[in-house]
Amino acid sequence: MPKAPPKILILDRNRHNLTLMTQFLEKQGYQTLPVISLEEVARTLIPSNTINLALIDITGFDSSVWTVCQQLREQGIPFLVVSPRHHSAIQQASIASGAMGLLGKPLAMREFAQLIRDLLKGSE
């Protein structure tokens, strides 16, 4: 039986960005779980623990986004934080929450795809 492709949760409040990221990752052969709310991540997806990797765009969320990140870490789900800003408070919060990295927008798609492959390979 063939191995199922990895599932990547994508959290982004911007529906356009969410659609672009979903389409890009699906073309790379991944299953995606696109969501726009923290509540959906916390209530539904994290407890199921079927996620191999999460991409969390923190733009527009309040500080409860870091609680969701900590829940991902506690579940053993690797995640990347995405943000258009890179000031030290975001870097510190990303590290403290257990993020595997902090990505700036706009994303360089070739490097982004390689990072996703490397992270998924490392989590096998």
PDB file of N, CA and C in Angstrom:
ATOM      1  N   MET A   1       0.852  -1.180   0.000  1.00  0.00           N
ATOM      2  CA  MET A   1       0.000   0.000   0.000  1.00  0.00           C
ATOM      3  C   MET A   1       0.896   1.240   0.000  1.00  0.00           C
ATOM      4  N   PRO A   2       0.663   2.185  -0.902  1.00  0.00           N
ATOM      5  CA  PRO A   2       1.520   3.367  -0.972  1.00  0.00           C
ATOM      6  C   PRO A   2       1.388   4.235   0.270  1.00  0.00           C
ATOM      7  N   LYS A   3       2.492   4.856   0.615  1.00  0.00           N
ATOM      8  CA  LYS A   3       2.518   5.745   1.768  1.00  0.00           C
ATOM      9  C   LYS A   3       1.757   7.028   1.439  1.00  0.00           C
ATOM     10  N   ALA A   4       0.922   7.468   2.371  1.00  0.00           N
ATOM     11  CA  ALA A   4       0.154   8.702   2.169  1.00  0.00           C
ATOM     12  C   ALA A   4       1.099   9.899   2.197  1.00  0.00           C
ATOM     13  N   PRO A   5       0.812  10.903   1.388  1.00  0.00           N
ATOM     14  CA  PRO A   5       1.662  12.097   1.414  1.00  0.00           C
ATOM     15  C   PRO A   5       1.529  12.825   2.754  1.00  0.00           C
ATOM     16  N   PRO A   6       2.570  13.524   3.168  1.00  0.00           N
ATOM     17  CA  PRO A   6       2.506  14.270   4.431  1.00  0.00           C
ATOM     18  C   PRO A   6       1.387  15.305   4.410  1.00  0.00           C
ATOM     19  N   LYS A   7       0.816  15.538   5.601  1.00  0.00           N
ATOM     20  CA  LYS A   7      -0.231  16.549   5.757  1.00  0.00           C
ATOM     21  C   LYS A   7       0.382  17.800   6.367  1.00  0.00           C
ATOM     22  N   ILE A   8       0.104  18.920   5.733  1.00  0.00           N
ATOM     23  CA  ILE A   8       0.617  20.199   6.205  1.00  0.00           C
ATOM     24  C   ILE A   8      -0.557  21.112   6.540  1.00  0.00           C
ATOM     25  N   LEU A   9      -0.621  21.519   7.790  1.00  0.00           N
ATOM     26  CA  LEU A   9      -1.608  22.494   8.223  1.00  0.00           C
ATOM     27  C   LEU A   9      -1.100  23.878   7.833  1.00  0.00           C
ATOM     28  N   ILE A  10      -1.966  24.689   7.268  1.00  0.00           N
ATOM     29  CA  ILE A  10      -1.611  26.059   6.899  1.00  0.00           C
ATOM     30  C   ILE A  10      -2.606  26.993   7.576  1.00  0.00           C
ATOM     31  N   LEU A  11      -2.108  27.838   8.464  1.00  0.00           N
ATOM     32  CA  LEU A  11      -2.950  28.827   9.131  1.00  0.00           C
ATOM     33  C   LEU A  11      -2.602  30.202   8.584  1.00  0.00           C
ATOM     34  N   ASP A  12      -3.589  30.861   8.004  1.00  0.00           N
ATOM     35  CA  ASP A  12      -3.405  32.215   7.483  1.00  0.00           C
ATOM     36  C   ASP A  12      -4.769  32.889   7.441  1.00  0.00           C
ATOM     37  N   ARG A  13      -4.879  34.066   8.013  1.00  0.00           N
ATOM     38  CA  ARG A  13      -6.156  34.789   8.016  1.00  0.00           C
ATOM     39  C   ARG A  13      -6.495  35.374   6.652  1.00  0.00           C
ATOM     40  N   ASN A  14      -5.499  35.524   5.810  1.00  0.00           N
ATOM     41  CA  ASN A  14      -5.707  36.088   4.482  1.00  0.00           C
ATOM     42  C   ASN A  14      -6.075  34.951   3.529  1.00  0.00           C
ATOM     43  N   ARG A  15      -7.314  34.928   3.096  1.00  0.00           N
ATOM     44  CA  ARG A  15      -7.794  33.821   2.250  1.00  0.00           C
ATOM     45  C   ARG A  15      -7.021  33.704   0.935  1.00  0.00           C
ATOM     46  N   HIS A  16      -6.638  34.818   0.364  1.00  0.00           N
ATOM     47  CA  HIS A  16      -5.865  34.789  -0.885  1.00  0.00           C
ATOM     48  C   HIS A  16      -4.513  34.104  -0.655  1.00  0.00           C
ATOM     49  N   ASN A  17      -3.809  34.520   0.383  1.00  0.00           N
ATOM     50  CA  ASN A  17      -2.520  33.887   0.698  1.00  0.00           C
ATOM     51  C   ASN A  17      -2.697  32.409   1.025  1.00  0.00           C
ATOM     52  N   LEU A  18      -3.766  32.095   1.743  1.00  0.00           N
ATOM     53  CA  LEU A  18      -4.044  30.709   2.107  1.00  0.00           C
ATOM     54  C   LEU A  18      -4.260  29.856   0.859  1.00  0.00           C
ATOM     55  N   THR A  19      -4.999  30.389  -0.096  1.00  0.00           N
ATOM     56  CA  THR A  19      -5.235  29.671  -1.354  1.00  0.00           C
ATOM     57  C   THR A  19      -3.938  29.471  -2.127  1.00  0.00           C
ATOM     58  N   LEU A  20      -3.126  30.517  -2.230  1.00  0.00           N
ATOM     59  CA  LEU A  20      -1.850  30.404  -2.945  1.00  0.00           C
ATOM     60  C   LEU A  20      -0.938  29.357  -2.311  1.00  0.00           C
ATOM     61  N   MET A  21      -0.827  29.397  -0.989  1.00  0.00           N
ATOM     62  CA  MET A  21       0.036  28.448  -0.281  1.00  0.00           C
ATOM     63  C   MET A  21      -0.497  27.024  -0.431  1.00  0.00           C
ATOM     64  N   THR A  22      -1.802  26.859  -0.325  1.00  0.00           N
ATOM     65  CA  THR A  22      -2.420  25.543  -0.476  1.00  0.00           C
ATOM     66  C   THR A  22      -2.154  24.976  -1.865  1.00  0.00           C
ATOM     67  N   GLN A  23      -2.381  25.775  -2.886  1.00  0.00           N
ATOM     68  CA  GLN A  23      -2.150  25.311  -4.259  1.00  0.00           C
ATOM     69  C   GLN A  23      -0.684  24.954  -4.488  1.00  0.00           C
ATOM     70  N   PHE A  24       0.220  25.778  -3.993  1.00  0.00           N
ATOM     71  CA  PHE A  24       1.648  25.512  -4.169  1.00  0.00           C
ATOM     72  C   PHE A  24       2.038  24.189  -3.519  1.00  0.00           C
ATOM     73  N   LEU A  25       1.612  23.977  -2.280  1.00  0.00           N
ATOM     74  CA  LEU A  25       1.997  22.755  -1.566  1.00  0.00           C
ATOM     75  C   LEU A  25       1.339  21.516  -2.166  1.00  0.00           C
ATOM     76  N   GLU A  26       0.107  21.639  -2.628  1.00  0.00           N
ATOM     77  CA  GLU A  26      -0.545  20.493  -3.267  1.00  0.00           C
ATOM     78  C   GLU A  26       0.154  20.124  -4.573  1.00  0.00           C
ATOM     79  N   LYS A  27       0.644  21.110  -5.311  1.00  0.00           N
ATOM     80  CA  LYS A  27       1.416  20.823  -6.526  1.00  0.00           C
ATOM     81  C   LYS A  27       2.738  20.126  -6.198  1.00  0.00           C
ATOM     82  N   GLN A  28       3.225  20.316  -4.983  1.00  0.00           N
ATOM     83  CA  GLN A  28       4.445  19.652  -4.533  1.00  0.00           C
ATOM     84  C   GLN A  28       4.157  18.223  -4.049  1.00  0.00           C
ATOM     85  N   GLY A  29       2.869  17.842  -4.029  1.00  0.00           N
ATOM     86  CA  GLY A  29       2.486  16.487  -3.655  1.00  0.00           C
ATOM     87  C   GLY A  29       2.049  16.305  -2.220  1.00  0.00           C
ATOM     88  N   TYR A  30       1.828  17.394  -1.493  1.00  0.00           N
ATOM     89  CA  TYR A  30       1.421  17.307  -0.093  1.00  0.00           C
ATOM     90  C   TYR A  30      -0.092  17.405   0.043  1.00  0.00           C
ATOM     91  N   GLN A  31      -0.606  16.799   1.118  1.00  0.00           N
ATOM     92  CA  GLN A  31      -1.988  17.038   1.521  1.00  0.00           C
ATOM     93  C   GLN A  31      -1.970  18.319   2.336  1.00  0.00           C
ATOM     94  N   THR A  32      -2.995  19.130   2.219  1.00  0.00           N
ATOM     95  CA  THR A  32      -3.035  20.365   2.990  1.00  0.00           C
ATOM     96  C   THR A  32      -4.305  20.444   3.824  1.00  0.00           C
ATOM     97  N   LEU A  33      -4.183  21.138   4.929  1.00  0.00           N
ATOM     98  CA  LEU A  33      -5.308  21.421   5.809  1.00  0.00           C
ATOM     99  C   LEU A  33      -5.332  22.932   6.020  1.00  0.00           C
ATOM    100  N   PRO A  34      -5.937  23.677   5.097  1.00  0.00           N
ATOM    101  CA  PRO A  34      -5.952  25.133   5.232  1.00  0.00           C
ATOM    102  C   PRO A  34      -7.003  25.597   6.238  1.00  0.00           C
ATOM    103  N   VAL A  35      -6.599  26.472   7.143  1.00  0.00           N
ATOM    104  CA  VAL A  35      -7.524  27.017   8.143  1.00  0.00           C
ATOM    105  C   VAL A  35      -7.267  28.512   8.312  1.00  0.00           C
ATOM    106  N   ILE A  36      -8.312  29.225   8.718  1.00  0.00           N
ATOM    107  CA  ILE A  36      -8.174  30.666   8.910  1.00  0.00           C
ATOM    108  C   ILE A  36      -8.345  31.088  10.361  1.00  0.00           C
ATOM    109  N   SER A  37      -8.669  30.157  11.261  1.00  0.00           N
ATOM    110  CA  SER A  37      -8.900  30.557  12.653  1.00  0.00           C
ATOM    111  C   SER A  37      -8.076  29.724  13.626  1.00  0.00           C
ATOM    112  N   LEU A  38      -7.658  30.380  14.692  1.00  0.00           N
ATOM    113  CA  LEU A  38      -6.926  29.694  15.758  1.00  0.00           C
ATOM    114  C   LEU A  38      -7.810  28.654  16.437  1.00  0.00           C
ATOM    115  N   GLU A  39      -9.080  28.981  16.569  1.00  0.00           N
ATOM    116  CA  GLU A  39     -10.006  28.074  17.231  1.00  0.00           C
ATOM    117  C   GLU A  39     -10.099  26.746  16.497  1.00  0.00           C
ATOM    118  N   GLU A  40     -10.135  26.802  15.176  1.00  0.00           N
ATOM    119  CA  GLU A  40     -10.217  25.569  14.391  1.00  0.00           C
ATOM    120  C   GLU A  40      -8.966  24.715  14.581  1.00  0.00           C
ATOM    121  N   VAL A  41      -7.822  25.356  14.630  1.00  0.00           N
ATOM    122  CA  VAL A  41      -6.576  24.616  14.859  1.00  0.00           C
ATOM    123  C   VAL A  41      -6.602  23.977  16.236  1.00  0.00           C
ATOM    124  N   ALA A  42      -6.889  24.772  17.247  1.00  0.00           N
ATOM    125  CA  ALA A  42      -6.840  24.293  18.624  1.00  0.00           C
ATOM    126  C   ALA A  42      -7.905  23.243  18.921  1.00  0.00           C
ATOM    127  N   ARG A  43      -9.104  23.451  18.415  1.00  0.00           N
ATOM    128  CA  ARG A  43     -10.229  22.578  18.754  1.00  0.00           C
ATOM    129  C   ARG A  43     -10.252  21.291  17.940  1.00  0.00           C
ATOM    130  N   THR A  44      -9.938  21.353  16.681  1.00  0.00           N
ATOM    131  CA  THR A  44     -10.162  20.228  15.789  1.00  0.00           C
ATOM    132  C   THR A  44      -8.901  19.529  15.327  1.00  0.00           C
ATOM    133  N   LEU A  45      -7.962  20.269  14.808  1.00  0.00           N
ATOM    134  CA  LEU A  45      -6.838  19.643  14.130  1.00  0.00           C
ATOM    135  C   LEU A  45      -5.736  19.158  15.055  1.00  0.00           C
ATOM    136  N   ILE A  46      -5.400  19.933  16.062  1.00  0.00           N
ATOM    137  CA  ILE A  46      -4.313  19.510  16.942  1.00  0.00           C
ATOM    138  C   ILE A  46      -4.647  18.214  17.672  1.00  0.00           C
ATOM    139  N   PRO A  47      -5.841  18.067  18.274  1.00  0.00           N
ATOM    140  CA  PRO A  47      -6.112  16.803  18.965  1.00  0.00           C
ATOM    141  C   PRO A  47      -6.065  15.574  18.061  1.00  0.00           C
ATOM    142  N   SER A  48      -6.332  15.734  16.773  1.00  0.00           N
ATOM    143  CA  SER A  48      -6.323  14.559  15.893  1.00  0.00           C
ATOM    144  C   SER A  48      -4.911  14.065  15.609  1.00  0.00           C
ATOM    145  N   ASN A  49      -3.914  14.931  15.763  1.00  0.00           N
ATOM    146  CA  ASN A  49      -2.497  14.594  15.595  1.00  0.00           C
ATOM    147  C   ASN A  49      -2.207  13.872  14.281  1.00  0.00           C
ATOM    148  N   THR A  50      -2.850  14.289  13.215  1.00  0.00           N
ATOM    149  CA  THR A  50      -2.569  13.711  11.898  1.00  0.00           C
ATOM    150  C   THR A  50      -1.743  14.665  11.048  1.00  0.00           C
ATOM    151  N   ILE A  51      -1.209  15.689  11.667  1.00  0.00           N
ATOM    152  CA  ILE A  51      -0.456  16.717  10.961  1.00  0.00           C
ATOM    153  C   ILE A  51       1.030  16.380  11.024  1.00  0.00           C
ATOM    154  N   ASN A  52       1.707  16.479   9.874  1.00  0.00           N
ATOM    155  CA  ASN A  52       3.146  16.246   9.838  1.00  0.00           C
ATOM    156  C   ASN A  52       3.949  17.529   9.993  1.00  0.00           C
ATOM    157  N   LEU A  53       3.357  18.658   9.621  1.00  0.00           N
ATOM    158  CA  LEU A  53       4.032  19.952   9.680  1.00  0.00           C
ATOM    159  C   LEU A  53       2.968  21.038   9.656  1.00  0.00           C
ATOM    160  N   ALA A  54       3.243  22.152  10.331  1.00  0.00           N
ATOM    161  CA  ALA A  54       2.310  23.282  10.323  1.00  0.00           C
ATOM    162  C   ALA A  54       3.041  24.554   9.918  1.00  0.00           C
ATOM    163  N   LEU A  55       2.347  25.374   9.144  1.00  0.00           N
ATOM    164  CA  LEU A  55       2.829  26.704   8.761  1.00  0.00           C
ATOM    165  C   LEU A  55       1.886  27.707   9.401  1.00  0.00           C
ATOM    166  N   ILE A  56       2.403  28.517  10.290  1.00  0.00           N
ATOM    167  CA  ILE A  56       1.579  29.432  11.063  1.00  0.00           C
ATOM    168  C   ILE A  56       1.934  30.867  10.695  1.00  0.00           C
ATOM    169  N   ASP A  57       1.061  31.521   9.939  1.00  0.00           N
ATOM    170  CA  ASP A  57       1.254  32.933   9.623  1.00  0.00           C
ATOM    171  C   ASP A  57       0.630  33.720  10.768  1.00  0.00           C
ATOM    172  N   ILE A  58       1.458  34.404  11.529  1.00  0.00           N
ATOM    173  CA  ILE A  58       0.985  35.079  12.740  1.00  0.00           C
ATOM    174  C   ILE A  58       0.341  36.433  12.464  1.00  0.00           C
ATOM    175  N   THR A  59       0.391  36.901  11.237  1.00  0.00           N
ATOM    176  CA  THR A  59      -0.132  38.220  10.886  1.00  0.00           C
ATOM    177  C   THR A  59      -1.614  38.343  11.246  1.00  0.00           C
ATOM    178  N   GLY A  60      -1.936  39.357  12.032  1.00  0.00           N
ATOM    179  CA  GLY A  60      -3.326  39.645  12.353  1.00  0.00           C
ATOM    180  C   GLY A  60      -3.896  38.879  13.530  1.00  0.00           C
ATOM    181  N   PHE A  61      -3.126  37.982  14.122  1.00  0.00           N
ATOM    182  CA  PHE A  61      -3.612  37.246  15.289  1.00  0.00           C
ATOM    183  C   PHE A  61      -3.123  37.919  16.568  1.00  0.00           C
ATOM    184  N   ASP A  62      -3.879  37.739  17.645  1.00  0.00           N
ATOM    185  CA  ASP A  62      -3.419  38.256  18.928  1.00  0.00           C
ATOM    186  C   ASP A  62      -2.442  37.260  19.554  1.00  0.00           C
ATOM    187  N   SER A  63      -2.067  37.503  20.782  1.00  0.00           N
ATOM    188  CA  SER A  63      -1.032  36.679  21.422  1.00  0.00           C
ATOM    189  C   SER A  63      -1.453  35.226  21.621  1.00  0.00           C
ATOM    190  N   SER A  64      -2.722  34.903  21.461  1.00  0.00           N
ATOM    191  CA  SER A  64      -3.146  33.504  21.608  1.00  0.00           C
ATOM    192  C   SER A  64      -2.576  32.613  20.506  1.00  0.00           C
ATOM    193  N   VAL A  65      -2.051  33.204  19.427  1.00  0.00           N
ATOM    194  CA  VAL A  65      -1.395  32.405  18.386  1.00  0.00           C
ATOM    195  C   VAL A  65      -0.213  31.637  18.981  1.00  0.00           C
ATOM    196  N   TRP A  66       0.441  32.223  19.987  1.00  0.00           N
ATOM    197  CA  TRP A  66       1.596  31.546  20.595  1.00  0.00           C
ATOM    198  C   TRP A  66       1.153  30.350  21.425  1.00  0.00           C
ATOM    199  N   THR A  67      -0.047  30.411  21.996  1.00  0.00           N
ATOM    200  CA  THR A  67      -0.588  29.261  22.724  1.00  0.00           C
ATOM    201  C   THR A  67      -0.816  28.097  21.769  1.00  0.00           C
ATOM    202  N   VAL A  68      -1.348  28.383  20.592  1.00  0.00           N
ATOM    203  CA  VAL A  68      -1.543  27.342  19.577  1.00  0.00           C
ATOM    204  C   VAL A  68      -0.195  26.753  19.169  1.00  0.00           C
ATOM    205  N   CYS A  69       0.806  27.615  19.007  1.00  0.00           N
ATOM    206  CA  CYS A  69       2.147  27.127  18.662  1.00  0.00           C
ATOM    207  C   CYS A  69       2.682  26.200  19.753  1.00  0.00           C
ATOM    208  N   GLN A  70       2.479  26.558  20.999  1.00  0.00           N
ATOM    209  CA  GLN A  70       2.932  25.706  22.100  1.00  0.00           C
ATOM    210  C   GLN A  70       2.190  24.376  22.108  1.00  0.00           C
ATOM    211  N   GLN A  71       0.913  24.385  21.760  1.00  0.00           N
ATOM    212  CA  GLN A  71       0.156  23.136  21.671  1.00  0.00           C
ATOM    213  C   GLN A  71       0.707  22.247  20.560  1.00  0.00           C
ATOM    214  N   LEU A  72       1.064  22.852  19.436  1.00  0.00           N
ATOM    215  CA  LEU A  72       1.685  22.075  18.360  1.00  0.00           C
ATOM    216  C   LEU A  72       2.968  21.420  18.859  1.00  0.00           C
ATOM    217  N   ARG A  73       3.797  22.199  19.535  1.00  0.00           N
ATOM    218  CA  ARG A  73       5.054  21.670  20.071  1.00  0.00           C
ATOM    219  C   ARG A  73       4.791  20.514  21.038  1.00  0.00           C
ATOM    220  N   GLU A  74       3.830  20.686  21.933  1.00  0.00           N
ATOM    221  CA  GLU A  74       3.499  19.639  22.907  1.00  0.00           C
ATOM    222  C   GLU A  74       3.019  18.368  22.224  1.00  0.00           C
ATOM    223  N   GLN A  75       2.373  18.501  21.059  1.00  0.00           N
ATOM    224  CA  GLN A  75       1.904  17.344  20.292  1.00  0.00           C
ATOM    225  C   GLN A  75       3.026  16.734  19.455  1.00  0.00           C
ATOM    226  N   GLY A  76       4.194  17.388  19.449  1.00  0.00           N
ATOM    227  CA  GLY A  76       5.310  16.884  18.654  1.00  0.00           C
ATOM    228  C   GLY A  76       5.186  17.204  17.175  1.00  0.00           C
ATOM    229  N   ILE A  77       4.400  18.220  16.842  1.00  0.00           N
ATOM    230  CA  ILE A  77       4.199  18.614  15.444  1.00  0.00           C
ATOM    231  C   ILE A  77       5.145  19.769  15.127  1.00  0.00           C
ATOM    232  N   PRO A  78       6.088  19.562  14.213  1.00  0.00           N
ATOM    233  CA  PRO A  78       6.988  20.665  13.864  1.00  0.00           C
ATOM    234  C   PRO A  78       6.222  21.767  13.142  1.00  0.00           C
ATOM    235  N   PHE A  79       6.653  23.006  13.367  1.00  0.00           N
ATOM    236  CA  PHE A  79       5.974  24.121  12.714  1.00  0.00           C
ATOM    237  C   PHE A  79       6.944  25.252  12.413  1.00  0.00           C
ATOM    238  N   LEU A  80       6.559  26.024  11.416  1.00  0.00           N
ATOM    239  CA  LEU A  80       7.283  27.225  11.017  1.00  0.00           C
ATOM    240  C   LEU A  80       6.381  28.424  11.232  1.00  0.00           C
ATOM    241  N   VAL A  81       6.952  29.508  11.702  1.00  0.00           N
ATOM    242  CA  VAL A  81       6.224  30.761  11.848  1.00  0.00           C
ATOM    243  C   VAL A  81       6.513  31.610  10.618  1.00  0.00           C
ATOM    244  N   VAL A  82       5.464  32.202  10.062  1.00  0.00           N
ATOM    245  CA  VAL A  82       5.584  33.081   8.902  1.00  0.00           C
ATOM    246  C   VAL A  82       5.141  34.478   9.332  1.00  0.00           C
ATOM    247  N   SER A  83       5.948  35.481   8.973  1.00  0.00           N
ATOM    248  CA  SER A  83       5.626  36.854   9.349  1.00  0.00           C
ATOM    249  C   SER A  83       6.285  37.829   8.386  1.00  0.00           C
ATOM    250  N   PRO A  84       5.590  38.921   8.059  1.00  0.00           N
ATOM    251  CA  PRO A  84       6.225  39.928   7.212  1.00  0.00           C
ATOM    252  C   PRO A  84       7.226  40.783   7.982  1.00  0.00           C
ATOM    253  N   ARG A  85       7.164  40.710   9.298  1.00  0.00           N
ATOM    254  CA  ARG A  85       8.061  41.505  10.143  1.00  0.00           C
ATOM    255  C   ARG A  85       9.038  40.582  10.860  1.00  0.00           C
ATOM    256  N   HIS A  86      10.233  41.079  11.074  1.00  0.00           N
ATOM    257  CA  HIS A  86      11.252  40.267  11.744  1.00  0.00           C
ATOM    258  C   HIS A  86      11.876  40.998  12.921  1.00  0.00           C
ATOM    259  N   HIS A  87      11.067  41.679  13.701  1.00  0.00           N
ATOM    260  CA  HIS A  87      11.695  42.333  14.842  1.00  0.00           C
ATOM    261  C   HIS A  87      11.951  41.323  15.949  1.00  0.00           C
ATOM    262  N   SER A  88      12.765  41.717  16.904  1.00  0.00           N
ATOM    263  CA  SER A  88      13.270  40.769  17.902  1.00  0.00           C
ATOM    264  C   SER A  88      12.162  40.132  18.737  1.00  0.00           C
ATOM    265  N   ALA A  89      11.075  40.833  19.000  1.00  0.00           N
ATOM    266  CA  ALA A  89       9.995  40.246  19.804  1.00  0.00           C
ATOM    267  C   ALA A  89       9.385  39.040  19.097  1.00  0.00           C
ATOM    268  N   ILE A  90       9.209  39.120  17.784  1.00  0.00           N
ATOM    269  CA  ILE A  90       8.660  37.988  17.028  1.00  0.00           C
ATOM    270  C   ILE A  90       9.666  36.844  16.999  1.00  0.00           C
ATOM    271  N   GLN A  91      10.934  37.159  16.811  1.00  0.00           N
ATOM    272  CA  GLN A  91      11.962  36.117  16.825  1.00  0.00           C
ATOM    273  C   GLN A  91      12.001  35.411  18.173  1.00  0.00           C
ATOM    274  N   GLN A  92      11.964  36.179  19.258  1.00  0.00           N
ATOM    275  CA  GLN A  92      11.997  35.591  20.598  1.00  0.00           C
ATOM    276  C   GLN A  92      10.762  34.738  20.864  1.00  0.00           C
ATOM    277  N   ALA A  93       9.592  35.235  20.488  1.00  0.00           N
ATOM    278  CA  ALA A  93       8.362  34.468  20.701  1.00  0.00           C
ATOM    279  C   ALA A  93       8.363  33.194  19.863  1.00  0.00           C
ATOM    280  N   SER A  94       8.884  33.264  18.652  1.00  0.00           N
ATOM    281  CA  SER A  94       8.959  32.074  17.790  1.00  0.00           C
ATOM    282  C   SER A  94       9.848  31.013  18.413  1.00  0.00           C
ATOM    283  N   ILE A  95      10.999  31.425  18.885  1.00  0.00           N
ATOM    284  CA  ILE A  95      11.929  30.491  19.531  1.00  0.00           C
ATOM    285  C   ILE A  95      11.304  29.913  20.795  1.00  0.00           C
ATOM    286  N   ALA A  96      10.720  30.781  21.618  1.00  0.00           N
ATOM    287  CA  ALA A  96      10.117  30.325  22.873  1.00  0.00           C
ATOM    288  C   ALA A  96       8.972  29.350  22.645  1.00  0.00           C
ATOM    289  N   SER A  97       8.250  29.508  21.545  1.00  0.00           N
ATOM    290  CA  SER A  97       7.113  28.627  21.278  1.00  0.00           C
ATOM    291  C   SER A  97       7.541  27.285  20.695  1.00  0.00           C
ATOM    292  N   GLY A  98       8.810  27.176  20.290  1.00  0.00           N
ATOM    293  CA  GLY A  98       9.304  25.906  19.754  1.00  0.00           C
ATOM    294  C   GLY A  98       9.310  25.811  18.247  1.00  0.00           C
ATOM    295  N   ALA A  99       9.190  26.946  17.556  1.00  0.00           N
ATOM    296  CA  ALA A  99       9.172  26.932  16.088  1.00  0.00           C
ATOM    297  C   ALA A  99      10.480  26.383  15.529  1.00  0.00           C
ATOM    298  N   MET A 100      10.374  25.691  14.404  1.00  0.00           N
ATOM    299  CA  MET A 100      11.547  25.172  13.704  1.00  0.00           C
ATOM    300  C   MET A 100      12.230  26.274  12.904  1.00  0.00           C
ATOM    301  N   GLY A 101      11.558  27.400  12.738  1.00  0.00           N
ATOM    302  CA  GLY A 101      12.126  28.514  12.004  1.00  0.00           C
ATOM    303  C   GLY A 101      11.130  29.637  11.849  1.00  0.00           C
ATOM    304  N   LEU A 102      11.645  30.781  11.418  1.00  0.00           N
ATOM    305  CA  LEU A 102      10.835  31.962  11.165  1.00  0.00           C
ATOM    306  C   LEU A 102      11.064  32.372   9.719  1.00  0.00           C
ATOM    307  N   LEU A 103      10.001  32.388   8.945  1.00  0.00           N
ATOM    308  CA  LEU A 103      10.085  32.744   7.527  1.00  0.00           C
ATOM    309  C   LEU A 103       9.511  34.131   7.303  1.00  0.00           C
ATOM    310  N   GLY A 104      10.209  34.917   6.493  1.00  0.00           N
ATOM    311  CA  GLY A 104       9.721  36.242   6.144  1.00  0.00           C
ATOM    312  C   GLY A 104       8.929  36.215   4.854  1.00  0.00           C
ATOM    313  N   LYS A 105       7.998  37.138   4.750  1.00  0.00           N
ATOM    314  CA  LYS A 105       7.228  37.291   3.524  1.00  0.00           C
ATOM    315  C   LYS A 105       7.818  38.442   2.739  1.00  0.00           C
ATOM    316  N   PRO A 106       7.775  38.383   1.450  1.00  0.00           N
ATOM    317  CA  PRO A 106       7.270  37.275   0.636  1.00  0.00           C
ATOM    318  C   PRO A 106       8.238  36.095   0.656  1.00  0.00           C
ATOM    319  N   LEU A 107       7.687  34.904   0.477  1.00  0.00           N
ATOM    320  CA  LEU A 107       8.493  33.689   0.504  1.00  0.00           C
ATOM    321  C   LEU A 107       9.218  33.489  -0.819  1.00  0.00           C
ATOM    322  N   ALA A 108      10.456  33.031  -0.740  1.00  0.00           N
ATOM    323  CA  ALA A 108      11.192  32.576  -1.924  1.00  0.00           C
ATOM    324  C   ALA A 108      10.784  31.117  -2.113  1.00  0.00           C
ATOM    325  N   MET A 109       9.958  30.835  -3.104  1.00  0.00           N
ATOM    326  CA  MET A 109       9.273  29.545  -3.197  1.00  0.00           C
ATOM    327  C   MET A 109      10.209  28.354  -3.364  1.00  0.00           C
ATOM    328  N   ARG A 110      11.275  28.473  -4.114  1.00  0.00           N
ATOM    329  CA  ARG A 110      12.189  27.338  -4.288  1.00  0.00           C
ATOM    330  C   ARG A 110      12.832  26.964  -2.950  1.00  0.00           C
ATOM    331  N   GLU A 111      13.304  27.970  -2.222  1.00  0.00           N
ATOM    332  CA  GLU A 111      13.912  27.722  -0.918  1.00  0.00           C
ATOM    333  C   GLU A 111      12.870  27.221   0.078  1.00  0.00           C
ATOM    334  N   PHE A 112      11.676  27.766  -0.013  1.00  0.00           N
ATOM    335  CA  PHE A 112      10.586  27.338   0.859  1.00  0.00           C
ATOM    336  C   PHE A 112      10.270  25.857   0.636  1.00  0.00           C
ATOM    337  N   ALA A 113      10.174  25.442  -0.620  1.00  0.00           N
ATOM    338  CA  ALA A 113       9.891  24.037  -0.940  1.00  0.00           C
ATOM    339  C   ALA A 113      10.987  23.128  -0.403  1.00  0.00           C
ATOM    340  N   GLN A 114      12.244  23.547  -0.527  1.00  0.00           N
ATOM    341  CA  GLN A 114      13.357  22.741  -0.018  1.00  0.00           C
ATOM    342  C   GLN A 114      13.311  22.644   1.505  1.00  0.00           C
ATOM    343  N   LEU A 115      12.991  23.740   2.172  1.00  0.00           N
ATOM    344  CA  LEU A 115      12.884  23.737   3.628  1.00  0.00           C
ATOM    345  C   LEU A 115      11.791  22.779   4.084  1.00  0.00           C
ATOM    346  N   ILE A 116      10.651  22.789   3.415  1.00  0.00           N
ATOM    347  CA  ILE A 116       9.552  21.877   3.750  1.00  0.00           C
ATOM    348  C   ILE A 116      10.021  20.428   3.600  1.00  0.00           C
ATOM    349  N   ARG A 117      10.665  20.107   2.482  1.00  0.00           N
ATOM    350  CA  ARG A 117      11.176  18.738   2.270  1.00  0.00           C
ATOM    351  C   ARG A 117      12.144  18.340   3.377  1.00  0.00           C
ATOM    352  N   ASP A 118      13.060  19.237   3.718  1.00  0.00           N
ATOM    353  CA  ASP A 118      14.059  18.937   4.746  1.00  0.00           C
ATOM    354  C   ASP A 118      13.416  18.726   6.111  1.00  0.00           C
ATOM    355  N   LEU A 119      12.462  19.571   6.465  1.00  0.00           N
ATOM    356  CA  LEU A 119      11.797  19.423   7.759  1.00  0.00           C
ATOM    357  C   LEU A 119      10.994  18.130   7.833  1.00  0.00           C
ATOM    358  N   LEU A 120      10.305  17.795   6.758  1.00  0.00           N
ATOM    359  CA  LEU A 120       9.525  16.556   6.761  1.00  0.00           C
ATOM    360  C   LEU A 120      10.435  15.337   6.794  1.00  0.00           C
ATOM    361  N   LYS A 121      11.547  15.396   6.112  1.00  0.00           N
ATOM    362  CA  LYS A 121      12.506  14.290   6.141  1.00  0.00           C
ATOM    363  C   LYS A 121      13.071  14.118   7.549  1.00  0.00           C
ATOM    364  N   GLY A 122      13.350  15.231   8.211  1.00  0.00           N
ATOM    365  CA  GLY A 122      13.895  15.189   9.562  1.00  0.00           C
ATOM    366  C   GLY A 122      12.903  14.724  10.607  1.00  0.00           C
ATOM    367  N   SER A 123      11.612  14.825  10.321  1.00  0.00           N
ATOM    368  CA  SER A 123      10.599  14.426  11.304  1.00  0.00           C
ATOM    369  C   SER A 123      10.105  13.000  11.104  1.00  0.00           C
ATOM    370  N   GLU A 124      10.662  12.287  10.112  1.00  0.00           N
ATOM    371  CA  GLU A 124      10.228  10.898   9.863  1.00  0.00           C
ATOM    372  C   GLU A 124      10.738   9.971  10.940  1.00  0.00           C
TER     373      GLU A 124
END
